[in-house]
């Protein structure tokens, strides 16, 4: 019987009285952890709350929208309450469209242009 590293063989009796061998965790062996700062994710896999600029999604969750705009989740909800950012609902989920994010950015740029005007 091949026993994986960090496990030890144990004998247990099943219902028929026969002895069954099993491998259980060996408490004397420390669990291996990846070095700090290293990623255990598969290459190319990204956290859903960290979309990239070229992500081909049409609708974003609130955390994704917050990450794209570099804002907090709470700030996104305030923008939604004030009507500065538009969202849609699908069942119990609230999503922000790509076009709504772009419209909000255009709105911010216009406001910034008006503030800079003499």
N, C-alpha and C. Protein backbone atom coordinates (compact mmCIF):
# COMPACT_ATOMS: atom_id res chain seq x y z
N UNK A 1 0.85 -1.18 0.00
CA UNK A 1 0.00 0.00 0.00
C UNK A 1 0.89 1.23 0.00
N UNK A 2 0.71 2.13 -0.98
CA UNK A 2 1.45 3.38 -1.02
C UNK A 2 0.78 4.38 -0.09
N UNK A 3 1.57 4.94 0.81
CA UNK A 3 1.03 5.91 1.75
C UNK A 3 1.61 7.26 1.41
N UNK A 4 0.74 8.27 1.14
CA UNK A 4 1.24 9.60 0.80
C UNK A 4 2.05 10.20 1.94
N UNK A 5 2.96 11.09 1.57
CA UNK A 5 3.80 11.77 2.55
C UNK A 5 2.89 12.55 3.51
N UNK A 6 3.21 12.49 4.78
CA UNK A 6 2.43 13.20 5.78
C UNK A 6 1.24 12.40 6.29
N UNK A 7 1.15 11.13 5.88
CA UNK A 7 0.07 10.28 6.35
C UNK A 7 0.68 9.02 6.96
N UNK A 8 -0.05 8.37 7.81
CA UNK A 8 0.44 7.16 8.45
C UNK A 8 -0.62 6.07 8.33
N UNK A 9 -0.18 4.82 8.26
CA UNK A 9 -1.16 3.73 8.15
C UNK A 9 -1.85 3.47 9.48
N UNK A 10 -3.11 3.11 9.40
CA UNK A 10 -3.88 2.79 10.60
C UNK A 10 -4.68 1.54 10.30
N UNK A 11 -4.80 0.68 11.27
CA UNK A 11 -5.62 -0.51 11.11
C UNK A 11 -6.97 -0.26 11.77
N UNK A 12 -8.02 -0.56 11.03
CA UNK A 12 -9.36 -0.41 11.57
C UNK A 12 -10.15 -1.65 11.22
N UNK A 13 -11.02 -2.09 12.12
CA UNK A 13 -11.86 -3.25 11.84
C UNK A 13 -13.16 -2.75 11.24
N UNK A 14 -13.59 -3.40 10.12
CA UNK A 14 -14.87 -3.03 9.55
C UNK A 14 -15.97 -3.86 10.22
N UNK A 15 -17.18 -3.77 9.76
CA UNK A 15 -18.31 -4.45 10.39
C UNK A 15 -18.17 -5.97 10.41
N UNK A 16 -17.51 -6.54 9.40
CA UNK A 16 -17.36 -7.99 9.32
C UNK A 16 -16.20 -8.53 10.13
N UNK A 17 -15.50 -7.69 10.85
CA UNK A 17 -14.38 -8.11 11.66
C UNK A 17 -13.07 -8.13 10.91
N UNK A 18 -13.09 -7.88 9.59
CA UNK A 18 -11.86 -7.86 8.82
C UNK A 18 -11.11 -6.56 9.10
N UNK A 19 -9.82 -6.61 8.96
CA UNK A 19 -9.00 -5.43 9.20
C UNK A 19 -8.84 -4.66 7.89
N UNK A 20 -9.09 -3.36 7.96
CA UNK A 20 -8.97 -2.49 6.79
C UNK A 20 -7.84 -1.53 7.05
N UNK A 21 -6.97 -1.35 6.07
CA UNK A 21 -5.87 -0.38 6.20
C UNK A 21 -6.29 0.92 5.57
N UNK A 22 -6.00 2.00 6.23
CA UNK A 22 -6.33 3.33 5.71
C UNK A 22 -5.18 4.27 6.03
N UNK A 23 -5.09 5.34 5.27
CA UNK A 23 -4.08 6.36 5.53
C UNK A 23 -4.78 7.56 6.13
N UNK A 24 -4.32 8.00 7.27
CA UNK A 24 -4.88 9.17 7.95
C UNK A 24 -3.80 10.21 8.13
N UNK A 25 -4.17 11.48 8.34
CA UNK A 25 -3.16 12.51 8.52
C UNK A 25 -2.25 12.22 9.70
N UNK A 26 -0.98 12.45 9.50
CA UNK A 26 0.00 12.25 10.56
C UNK A 26 0.19 13.60 11.26
N UNK A 27 -0.24 13.72 12.52
CA UNK A 27 -0.14 15.01 13.22
C UNK A 27 1.29 15.47 13.45
N UNK A 28 2.27 14.55 13.35
CA UNK A 28 3.66 14.94 13.59
C UNK A 28 4.27 15.63 12.37
N UNK A 29 3.59 15.58 11.22
CA UNK A 29 4.10 16.21 10.01
C UNK A 29 3.37 17.52 9.80
N UNK A 30 4.13 18.61 9.74
CA UNK A 30 3.51 19.92 9.53
C UNK A 30 3.02 20.03 8.09
N UNK A 31 1.90 20.70 7.92
CA UNK A 31 1.38 20.92 6.58
C UNK A 31 2.26 21.91 5.84
N UNK A 32 2.56 21.60 4.61
CA UNK A 32 3.39 22.50 3.81
C UNK A 32 2.56 23.67 3.34
N UNK A 33 3.07 24.85 3.49
CA UNK A 33 2.40 26.06 3.04
C UNK A 33 3.24 26.73 1.97
N UNK A 34 2.58 27.36 0.99
CA UNK A 34 3.37 28.06 -0.02
C UNK A 34 4.06 29.27 0.60
N UNK A 35 5.19 29.68 0.07
CA UNK A 35 5.88 30.85 0.60
C UNK A 35 4.99 32.09 0.52
N UNK A 36 5.18 33.00 1.45
CA UNK A 36 4.39 34.23 1.47
C UNK A 36 4.55 34.98 0.16
N UNK A 37 3.44 35.46 -0.37
CA UNK A 37 3.48 36.23 -1.60
C UNK A 37 3.38 35.40 -2.86
N UNK A 38 3.48 34.06 -2.72
CA UNK A 38 3.37 33.23 -3.92
C UNK A 38 1.91 32.89 -4.16
N UNK A 39 1.58 32.65 -5.37
CA UNK A 39 0.20 32.36 -5.74
C UNK A 39 0.03 30.86 -5.91
N UNK A 40 -1.07 30.33 -5.36
CA UNK A 40 -1.36 28.92 -5.53
C UNK A 40 -2.38 28.73 -6.66
N UNK A 41 -2.86 29.82 -7.24
CA UNK A 41 -3.83 29.73 -8.31
C UNK A 41 -3.16 29.25 -9.59
N UNK A 42 -3.97 28.68 -10.44
CA UNK A 42 -3.45 28.24 -11.73
C UNK A 42 -3.07 29.45 -12.55
N UNK A 43 -2.07 29.33 -13.40
CA UNK A 43 -1.69 30.46 -14.25
C UNK A 43 -2.87 30.92 -15.09
N UNK A 44 -3.09 32.22 -15.12
CA UNK A 44 -4.18 32.78 -15.90
C UNK A 44 -5.47 32.92 -15.09
N UNK A 45 -5.55 32.24 -13.93
CA UNK A 45 -6.76 32.36 -13.11
C UNK A 45 -6.65 33.64 -12.30
N UNK A 46 -7.70 34.41 -12.30
CA UNK A 46 -7.70 35.67 -11.57
C UNK A 46 -8.83 35.69 -10.57
N UNK A 47 -8.67 36.44 -9.53
CA UNK A 47 -9.72 36.62 -8.55
C UNK A 47 -10.86 37.38 -9.20
N UNK A 48 -12.11 36.95 -8.99
CA UNK A 48 -13.22 37.60 -9.69
C UNK A 48 -13.40 39.07 -9.35
N UNK A 49 -12.92 39.49 -8.19
CA UNK A 49 -13.07 40.89 -7.83
C UNK A 49 -11.95 41.75 -8.42
N UNK A 50 -11.05 41.16 -9.18
CA UNK A 50 -9.94 41.89 -9.78
C UNK A 50 -9.95 41.74 -11.29
N UNK A 51 -10.99 42.22 -11.97
CA UNK A 51 -11.01 42.07 -13.43
C UNK A 51 -9.97 42.97 -14.09
N UNK A 52 -9.61 42.62 -15.29
CA UNK A 52 -8.67 43.43 -16.03
C UNK A 52 -9.43 44.37 -16.96
N UNK A 53 -8.73 45.34 -17.51
CA UNK A 53 -9.35 46.32 -18.39
C UNK A 53 -9.95 45.65 -19.62
N UNK A 54 -9.31 44.63 -20.14
CA UNK A 54 -9.78 44.00 -21.37
C UNK A 54 -10.70 42.80 -21.12
N UNK A 55 -11.29 42.73 -19.93
CA UNK A 55 -12.23 41.67 -19.62
C UNK A 55 -13.47 41.83 -20.50
N UNK A 56 -13.88 40.79 -21.21
CA UNK A 56 -15.00 40.92 -22.13
C UNK A 56 -16.37 40.78 -21.47
N UNK A 57 -16.51 41.13 -20.22
CA UNK A 57 -17.80 41.02 -19.54
C UNK A 57 -18.68 42.21 -19.87
N UNK A 58 -19.98 41.99 -19.85
CA UNK A 58 -20.93 43.08 -20.05
C UNK A 58 -21.50 43.57 -18.74
N UNK A 59 -21.62 42.68 -17.76
CA UNK A 59 -22.15 43.04 -16.45
C UNK A 59 -21.14 42.67 -15.38
N UNK A 60 -21.00 43.55 -14.40
CA UNK A 60 -20.04 43.36 -13.32
C UNK A 60 -20.77 43.35 -11.98
N UNK A 61 -20.29 42.52 -11.06
CA UNK A 61 -20.82 42.54 -9.70
C UNK A 61 -20.37 43.84 -9.03
N UNK A 62 -20.96 44.14 -7.90
CA UNK A 62 -20.59 45.38 -7.18
C UNK A 62 -19.10 45.36 -6.79
N UNK A 63 -18.56 44.27 -6.25
CA UNK A 63 -17.12 44.27 -5.94
C UNK A 63 -16.25 44.43 -7.18
N UNK A 64 -16.67 43.84 -8.31
CA UNK A 64 -15.89 43.99 -9.54
C UNK A 64 -15.94 45.43 -10.03
N UNK A 65 -17.12 46.04 -9.99
CA UNK A 65 -17.25 47.45 -10.40
C UNK A 65 -16.40 48.33 -9.50
N UNK A 66 -16.40 48.05 -8.20
CA UNK A 66 -15.59 48.82 -7.27
C UNK A 66 -14.11 48.69 -7.61
N UNK A 67 -13.67 47.48 -7.94
CA UNK A 67 -12.27 47.26 -8.30
C UNK A 67 -11.92 47.99 -9.59
N UNK A 68 -12.81 47.95 -10.57
CA UNK A 68 -12.54 48.63 -11.85
C UNK A 68 -12.43 50.14 -11.68
N UNK A 69 -13.26 50.71 -10.79
CA UNK A 69 -13.24 52.16 -10.58
C UNK A 69 -12.30 52.57 -9.44
N UNK A 70 -11.65 51.62 -8.82
CA UNK A 70 -10.76 51.88 -7.67
C UNK A 70 -11.50 52.60 -6.56
N UNK A 71 -12.70 52.13 -6.27
CA UNK A 71 -13.53 52.67 -5.20
C UNK A 71 -13.91 51.55 -4.25
N UNK A 72 -14.43 51.92 -3.09
CA UNK A 72 -14.89 50.90 -2.15
C UNK A 72 -16.28 50.43 -2.54
N UNK A 73 -16.64 49.27 -2.03
CA UNK A 73 -17.98 48.75 -2.26
C UNK A 73 -19.04 49.70 -1.72
N UNK A 74 -18.79 50.26 -0.54
CA UNK A 74 -19.74 51.19 0.09
C UNK A 74 -19.94 52.42 -0.79
N UNK A 75 -18.85 52.91 -1.40
CA UNK A 75 -18.96 54.09 -2.26
C UNK A 75 -19.79 53.78 -3.51
N UNK A 76 -19.63 52.57 -4.05
CA UNK A 76 -20.44 52.16 -5.20
C UNK A 76 -21.92 52.18 -4.82
N UNK A 77 -22.26 51.65 -3.65
CA UNK A 77 -23.65 51.65 -3.22
C UNK A 77 -24.18 53.08 -3.02
N UNK A 78 -23.34 54.00 -2.53
CA UNK A 78 -23.76 55.40 -2.40
C UNK A 78 -24.03 56.01 -3.77
N UNK A 79 -23.17 55.70 -4.74
CA UNK A 79 -23.38 56.21 -6.11
C UNK A 79 -24.69 55.66 -6.68
N UNK A 80 -25.00 54.41 -6.40
CA UNK A 80 -26.25 53.82 -6.86
C UNK A 80 -27.45 54.48 -6.21
N UNK A 81 -27.36 54.76 -4.91
CA UNK A 81 -28.47 55.41 -4.19
C UNK A 81 -28.72 56.82 -4.72
N UNK A 82 -27.65 57.55 -5.04
CA UNK A 82 -27.79 58.92 -5.55
C UNK A 82 -28.20 58.96 -7.02
N UNK A 83 -28.07 57.84 -7.71
CA UNK A 83 -28.40 57.80 -9.13
C UNK A 83 -27.24 58.19 -10.03
N UNK A 84 -26.06 58.34 -9.46
CA UNK A 84 -24.88 58.68 -10.27
C UNK A 84 -24.38 57.49 -11.07
N UNK A 85 -24.72 56.30 -10.61
CA UNK A 85 -24.34 55.07 -11.29
C UNK A 85 -25.60 54.22 -11.41
N UNK A 86 -25.80 53.64 -12.57
CA UNK A 86 -27.01 52.85 -12.84
C UNK A 86 -26.67 51.37 -12.75
N UNK A 87 -27.60 50.59 -12.21
CA UNK A 87 -27.39 49.15 -12.13
C UNK A 87 -28.66 48.43 -12.57
N UNK A 88 -28.51 47.13 -12.78
CA UNK A 88 -29.65 46.28 -13.13
C UNK A 88 -29.69 45.14 -12.12
N UNK A 89 -30.86 44.54 -12.00
CA UNK A 89 -31.01 43.41 -11.10
C UNK A 89 -31.35 42.17 -11.91
N UNK A 90 -30.76 41.08 -11.53
CA UNK A 90 -31.08 39.78 -12.11
C UNK A 90 -31.34 38.86 -10.94
N UNK A 91 -32.60 38.63 -10.65
CA UNK A 91 -32.95 37.87 -9.44
C UNK A 91 -32.57 38.68 -8.22
N UNK A 92 -31.76 38.12 -7.36
CA UNK A 92 -31.31 38.84 -6.16
C UNK A 92 -29.97 39.53 -6.38
N UNK A 93 -29.39 39.35 -7.55
CA UNK A 93 -28.06 39.92 -7.84
C UNK A 93 -28.19 41.30 -8.47
N UNK A 94 -27.34 42.21 -8.04
CA UNK A 94 -27.26 43.53 -8.64
C UNK A 94 -26.00 43.58 -9.47
N UNK A 95 -26.12 44.06 -10.70
CA UNK A 95 -24.99 44.14 -11.62
C UNK A 95 -24.90 45.54 -12.22
N UNK A 96 -23.68 45.94 -12.53
CA UNK A 96 -23.44 47.23 -13.17
C UNK A 96 -22.91 46.94 -14.56
N UNK A 97 -23.54 47.53 -15.56
CA UNK A 97 -23.12 47.26 -16.94
C UNK A 97 -21.84 48.02 -17.27
N UNK A 98 -21.15 47.52 -18.26
CA UNK A 98 -19.93 48.17 -18.74
C UNK A 98 -20.26 49.59 -19.22
N UNK A 99 -21.40 49.74 -19.92
CA UNK A 99 -21.78 51.07 -20.43
C UNK A 99 -22.10 52.03 -19.29
N UNK A 100 -22.66 51.52 -18.17
CA UNK A 100 -22.93 52.39 -17.01
C UNK A 100 -21.62 52.86 -16.38
N UNK A 101 -20.63 51.97 -16.33
CA UNK A 101 -19.32 52.37 -15.79
C UNK A 101 -18.67 53.42 -16.69
N UNK A 102 -18.76 53.22 -18.00
CA UNK A 102 -18.18 54.19 -18.93
C UNK A 102 -18.90 55.52 -18.85
N UNK A 103 -20.24 55.49 -18.72
CA UNK A 103 -21.02 56.73 -18.61
C UNK A 103 -20.64 57.48 -17.32
N UNK A 104 -20.42 56.76 -16.24
CA UNK A 104 -20.02 57.40 -14.99
C UNK A 104 -18.65 58.07 -15.14
N UNK A 105 -17.73 57.40 -15.83
CA UNK A 105 -16.41 57.99 -16.04
C UNK A 105 -16.51 59.25 -16.90
N UNK A 106 -17.34 59.22 -17.93
CA UNK A 106 -17.56 60.42 -18.78
C UNK A 106 -18.13 61.54 -17.93
N UNK A 107 -19.08 61.19 -17.05
CA UNK A 107 -19.68 62.19 -16.14
C UNK A 107 -18.61 62.81 -15.24
N UNK A 108 -17.72 61.98 -14.71
CA UNK A 108 -16.64 62.51 -13.86
C UNK A 108 -15.70 63.41 -14.65
N UNK A 109 -15.40 63.03 -15.89
CA UNK A 109 -14.50 63.84 -16.71
C UNK A 109 -15.14 65.18 -17.05
N UNK A 110 -16.43 65.19 -17.31
CA UNK A 110 -17.13 66.46 -17.58
C UNK A 110 -17.11 67.37 -16.36
N UNK A 111 -17.37 66.78 -15.19
CA UNK A 111 -17.33 67.57 -13.95
C UNK A 111 -15.93 68.14 -13.72
N UNK A 112 -14.91 67.33 -13.98
CA UNK A 112 -13.54 67.80 -13.80
C UNK A 112 -13.23 68.92 -14.78
N UNK A 113 -13.74 68.81 -15.99
CA UNK A 113 -13.53 69.86 -17.01
C UNK A 113 -14.21 71.16 -16.61
N UNK A 114 -15.40 71.06 -16.01
CA UNK A 114 -16.12 72.26 -15.57
C UNK A 114 -15.43 72.93 -14.39
N UNK A 115 -14.81 72.14 -13.53
CA UNK A 115 -14.12 72.71 -12.38
C UNK A 115 -12.85 73.43 -12.81
N UNK A 116 -12.22 72.96 -13.89
CA UNK A 116 -10.97 73.55 -14.35
C UNK A 116 -11.20 74.76 -15.23
N UNK A 117 -12.43 74.93 -15.72
CA UNK A 117 -12.70 76.06 -16.63
C UNK A 117 -12.62 77.38 -15.87
N UNK A 118 -12.09 78.45 -16.53
CA UNK A 118 -11.94 79.74 -15.84
C UNK A 118 -13.26 80.45 -15.66
